[in-house]
Amino acid sequence: MIKCHLSKLMGEKKLKIVDVARETGVNRGTITRLYHETASRVELDSIEALCRYLNCEVGELFEYVEDR
């Protein structure tokens, strides 16, 4: 399974979903689904915008975790 660390990264920087959406241009619904780890697919443009905004690598935003 792919784990998304957006909520952790946003929490460390004290960011709100609405602020990230406004600053990145990524749809608020997309950010909400990533934040709550309910997204089933994400556009590469969205991942790029989030990494640029959060100043992180893709591997810091997403992690592969084996299903148990």
N, C-alpha and C. Protein backbone atom coordinates (compact mmCIF):
# COMPACT_ATOMS: atom_id res chain seq x y z
N MET A 1 0.84 -1.18 0.00
CA MET A 1 0.00 0.00 0.00
C MET A 1 0.89 1.24 0.00
N ILE A 2 0.38 2.30 -0.55
CA ILE A 2 1.10 3.57 -0.58
C ILE A 2 0.58 4.44 0.57
N LYS A 3 1.46 4.88 1.42
CA LYS A 3 1.10 5.75 2.55
C LYS A 3 1.46 7.18 2.19
N CYS A 4 0.55 8.10 2.47
CA CYS A 4 0.78 9.52 2.18
C CYS A 4 1.05 10.25 3.49
N HIS A 5 2.13 11.01 3.50
CA HIS A 5 2.54 11.74 4.70
C HIS A 5 2.18 13.23 4.64
N LEU A 6 1.20 13.58 3.81
CA LEU A 6 0.83 14.98 3.67
C LEU A 6 0.37 15.58 5.00
N SER A 7 -0.44 14.85 5.75
CA SER A 7 -0.94 15.41 7.02
C SER A 7 0.21 15.68 7.98
N LYS A 8 1.19 14.80 8.02
CA LYS A 8 2.36 14.99 8.89
C LYS A 8 3.16 16.22 8.45
N LEU A 9 3.43 16.32 7.14
CA LEU A 9 4.21 17.44 6.62
C LEU A 9 3.48 18.77 6.85
N MET A 10 2.17 18.76 6.64
CA MET A 10 1.39 19.98 6.87
C MET A 10 1.37 20.34 8.35
N GLY A 11 1.24 19.34 9.20
CA GLY A 11 1.22 19.57 10.65
C GLY A 11 2.52 20.18 11.15
N GLU A 12 3.64 19.69 10.63
CA GLU A 12 4.95 20.22 11.03
C GLU A 12 5.08 21.69 10.68
N LYS A 13 4.44 22.09 9.56
CA LYS A 13 4.53 23.48 9.11
C LYS A 13 3.30 24.30 9.50
N LYS A 14 2.38 23.65 10.25
CA LYS A 14 1.14 24.31 10.70
C LYS A 14 0.34 24.90 9.53
N LEU A 15 0.15 24.09 8.49
CA LEU A 15 -0.56 24.52 7.30
C LEU A 15 -1.98 23.96 7.31
N LYS A 16 -2.90 24.70 6.72
CA LYS A 16 -4.29 24.28 6.58
C LYS A 16 -4.53 23.85 5.14
N ILE A 17 -5.48 22.94 4.96
CA ILE A 17 -5.79 22.43 3.63
C ILE A 17 -6.13 23.56 2.67
N VAL A 18 -6.94 24.49 3.11
CA VAL A 18 -7.36 25.60 2.24
C VAL A 18 -6.16 26.45 1.82
N ASP A 19 -5.20 26.65 2.71
CA ASP A 19 -4.02 27.44 2.38
C ASP A 19 -3.14 26.72 1.35
N VAL A 20 -2.97 25.41 1.54
CA VAL A 20 -2.16 24.63 0.59
C VAL A 20 -2.83 24.64 -0.79
N ALA A 21 -4.15 24.49 -0.81
CA ALA A 21 -4.88 24.51 -2.09
C ALA A 21 -4.70 25.85 -2.79
N ARG A 22 -4.84 26.93 -2.04
CA ARG A 22 -4.72 28.27 -2.62
C ARG A 22 -3.30 28.50 -3.16
N GLU A 23 -2.30 28.12 -2.40
CA GLU A 23 -0.91 28.40 -2.78
C GLU A 23 -0.39 27.50 -3.90
N THR A 24 -0.90 26.26 -3.99
CA THR A 24 -0.39 25.33 -4.99
C THR A 24 -1.23 25.27 -6.25
N GLY A 25 -2.50 25.66 -6.15
CA GLY A 25 -3.40 25.53 -7.28
C GLY A 25 -3.97 24.12 -7.41
N VAL A 26 -3.63 23.24 -6.47
CA VAL A 26 -4.16 21.88 -6.46
C VAL A 26 -5.57 21.93 -5.88
N ASN A 27 -6.48 21.19 -6.49
CA ASN A 27 -7.87 21.16 -6.05
C ASN A 27 -7.96 20.81 -4.57
N ARG A 28 -8.81 21.53 -3.86
CA ARG A 28 -8.96 21.31 -2.41
C ARG A 28 -9.39 19.87 -2.09
N GLY A 29 -10.26 19.31 -2.94
CA GLY A 29 -10.70 17.93 -2.75
C GLY A 29 -9.56 16.94 -2.85
N THR A 30 -8.65 17.19 -3.77
CA THR A 30 -7.48 16.32 -3.93
C THR A 30 -6.62 16.37 -2.69
N ILE A 31 -6.38 17.57 -2.18
CA ILE A 31 -5.55 17.71 -0.98
C ILE A 31 -6.24 17.05 0.21
N THR A 32 -7.55 17.21 0.32
CA THR A 32 -8.30 16.59 1.42
C THR A 32 -8.18 15.07 1.36
N ARG A 33 -8.33 14.49 0.16
CA ARG A 33 -8.22 13.04 0.02
C ARG A 33 -6.81 12.55 0.34
N LEU A 34 -5.80 13.29 -0.06
CA LEU A 34 -4.42 12.92 0.28
C LEU A 34 -4.18 13.05 1.78
N TYR A 35 -4.68 14.12 2.36
CA TYR A 35 -4.52 14.38 3.79
C TYR A 35 -5.11 13.24 4.62
N HIS A 36 -6.29 12.76 4.21
CA HIS A 36 -6.98 11.70 4.94
C HIS A 36 -6.65 10.30 4.41
N GLU A 37 -5.75 10.23 3.44
CA GLU A 37 -5.29 8.98 2.83
C GLU A 37 -6.43 8.16 2.23
N THR A 38 -7.33 8.84 1.54
CA THR A 38 -8.42 8.16 0.86
C THR A 38 -8.31 8.29 -0.66
N ALA A 39 -7.27 8.94 -1.15
CA ALA A 39 -7.09 9.12 -2.59
C ALA A 39 -6.70 7.79 -3.24
N SER A 40 -7.28 7.53 -4.41
CA SER A 40 -6.93 6.32 -5.14
C SER A 40 -6.00 6.62 -6.32
N ARG A 41 -5.96 7.87 -6.73
CA ARG A 41 -5.04 8.29 -7.80
C ARG A 41 -4.77 9.78 -7.67
N VAL A 42 -3.59 10.17 -8.13
CA VAL A 42 -3.18 11.57 -8.04
C VAL A 42 -2.41 11.92 -9.31
N GLU A 43 -2.69 13.07 -9.87
CA GLU A 43 -1.97 13.54 -11.05
C GLU A 43 -0.54 13.91 -10.68
N LEU A 44 0.38 13.64 -11.58
CA LEU A 44 1.79 13.97 -11.34
C LEU A 44 1.98 15.48 -11.15
N ASP A 45 1.18 16.28 -11.84
CA ASP A 45 1.27 17.74 -11.68
C ASP A 45 0.95 18.14 -10.24
N SER A 46 0.00 17.46 -9.63
CA SER A 46 -0.37 17.75 -8.24
C SER A 46 0.75 17.36 -7.29
N ILE A 47 1.35 16.21 -7.52
CA ILE A 47 2.47 15.76 -6.69
C ILE A 47 3.63 16.74 -6.81
N GLU A 48 3.91 17.16 -8.02
CA GLU A 48 4.99 18.12 -8.25
C GLU A 48 4.73 19.44 -7.52
N ALA A 49 3.51 19.94 -7.62
CA ALA A 49 3.16 21.21 -6.96
C ALA A 49 3.28 21.09 -5.44
N LEU A 50 2.84 19.98 -4.89
CA LEU A 50 2.93 19.79 -3.44
C LEU A 50 4.38 19.67 -2.98
N CYS A 51 5.18 18.92 -3.72
CA CYS A 51 6.60 18.80 -3.36
C CYS A 51 7.32 20.15 -3.44
N ARG A 52 7.01 20.90 -4.46
CA ARG A 52 7.62 22.23 -4.61
C ARG A 52 7.22 23.13 -3.45
N TYR A 53 5.93 23.14 -3.13
CA TYR A 53 5.41 24.00 -2.07
C TYR A 53 5.94 23.60 -0.69
N LEU A 54 5.98 22.29 -0.42
CA LEU A 54 6.42 21.79 0.88
C LEU A 54 7.94 21.63 0.97
N ASN A 55 8.62 21.87 -0.16
CA ASN A 55 10.07 21.74 -0.22
C ASN A 55 10.50 20.34 0.24
N CYS A 56 9.91 19.33 -0.41
CA CYS A 56 10.21 17.95 -0.04
C CYS A 56 10.38 17.10 -1.30
N GLU A 57 10.89 15.90 -1.12
CA GLU A 57 11.03 14.93 -2.20
C GLU A 57 9.77 14.06 -2.24
N VAL A 58 9.54 13.42 -3.36
CA VAL A 58 8.38 12.54 -3.51
C VAL A 58 8.42 11.45 -2.43
N GLY A 59 9.60 10.94 -2.11
CA GLY A 59 9.75 9.90 -1.10
C GLY A 59 9.43 10.36 0.31
N GLU A 60 9.43 11.65 0.54
CA GLU A 60 9.03 12.18 1.84
C GLU A 60 7.51 12.32 1.92
N LEU A 61 6.88 12.47 0.76
CA LEU A 61 5.43 12.64 0.69
C LEU A 61 4.72 11.29 0.63
N PHE A 62 5.30 10.33 -0.10
CA PHE A 62 4.71 9.01 -0.25
C PHE A 62 5.70 7.93 0.18
N GLU A 63 5.14 6.83 0.71
CA GLU A 63 5.98 5.72 1.15
C GLU A 63 5.26 4.42 0.82
N TYR A 64 6.00 3.44 0.32
CA TYR A 64 5.44 2.12 0.06
C TYR A 64 5.56 1.29 1.33
N VAL A 65 4.43 0.74 1.78
CA VAL A 65 4.41 -0.11 2.97
C VAL A 65 3.75 -1.43 2.56
N GLU A 66 4.42 -2.54 2.85
CA GLU A 66 3.86 -3.84 2.50
C GLU A 66 2.60 -4.12 3.29
N ASP A 67 1.60 -4.70 2.60
CA ASP A 67 0.37 -5.12 3.28
C ASP A 67 0.70 -6.32 4.16
N ARG A 68 0.05 -6.38 5.28
CA ARG A 68 0.33 -7.51 6.19
C ARG A 68 -0.79 -8.51 6.17
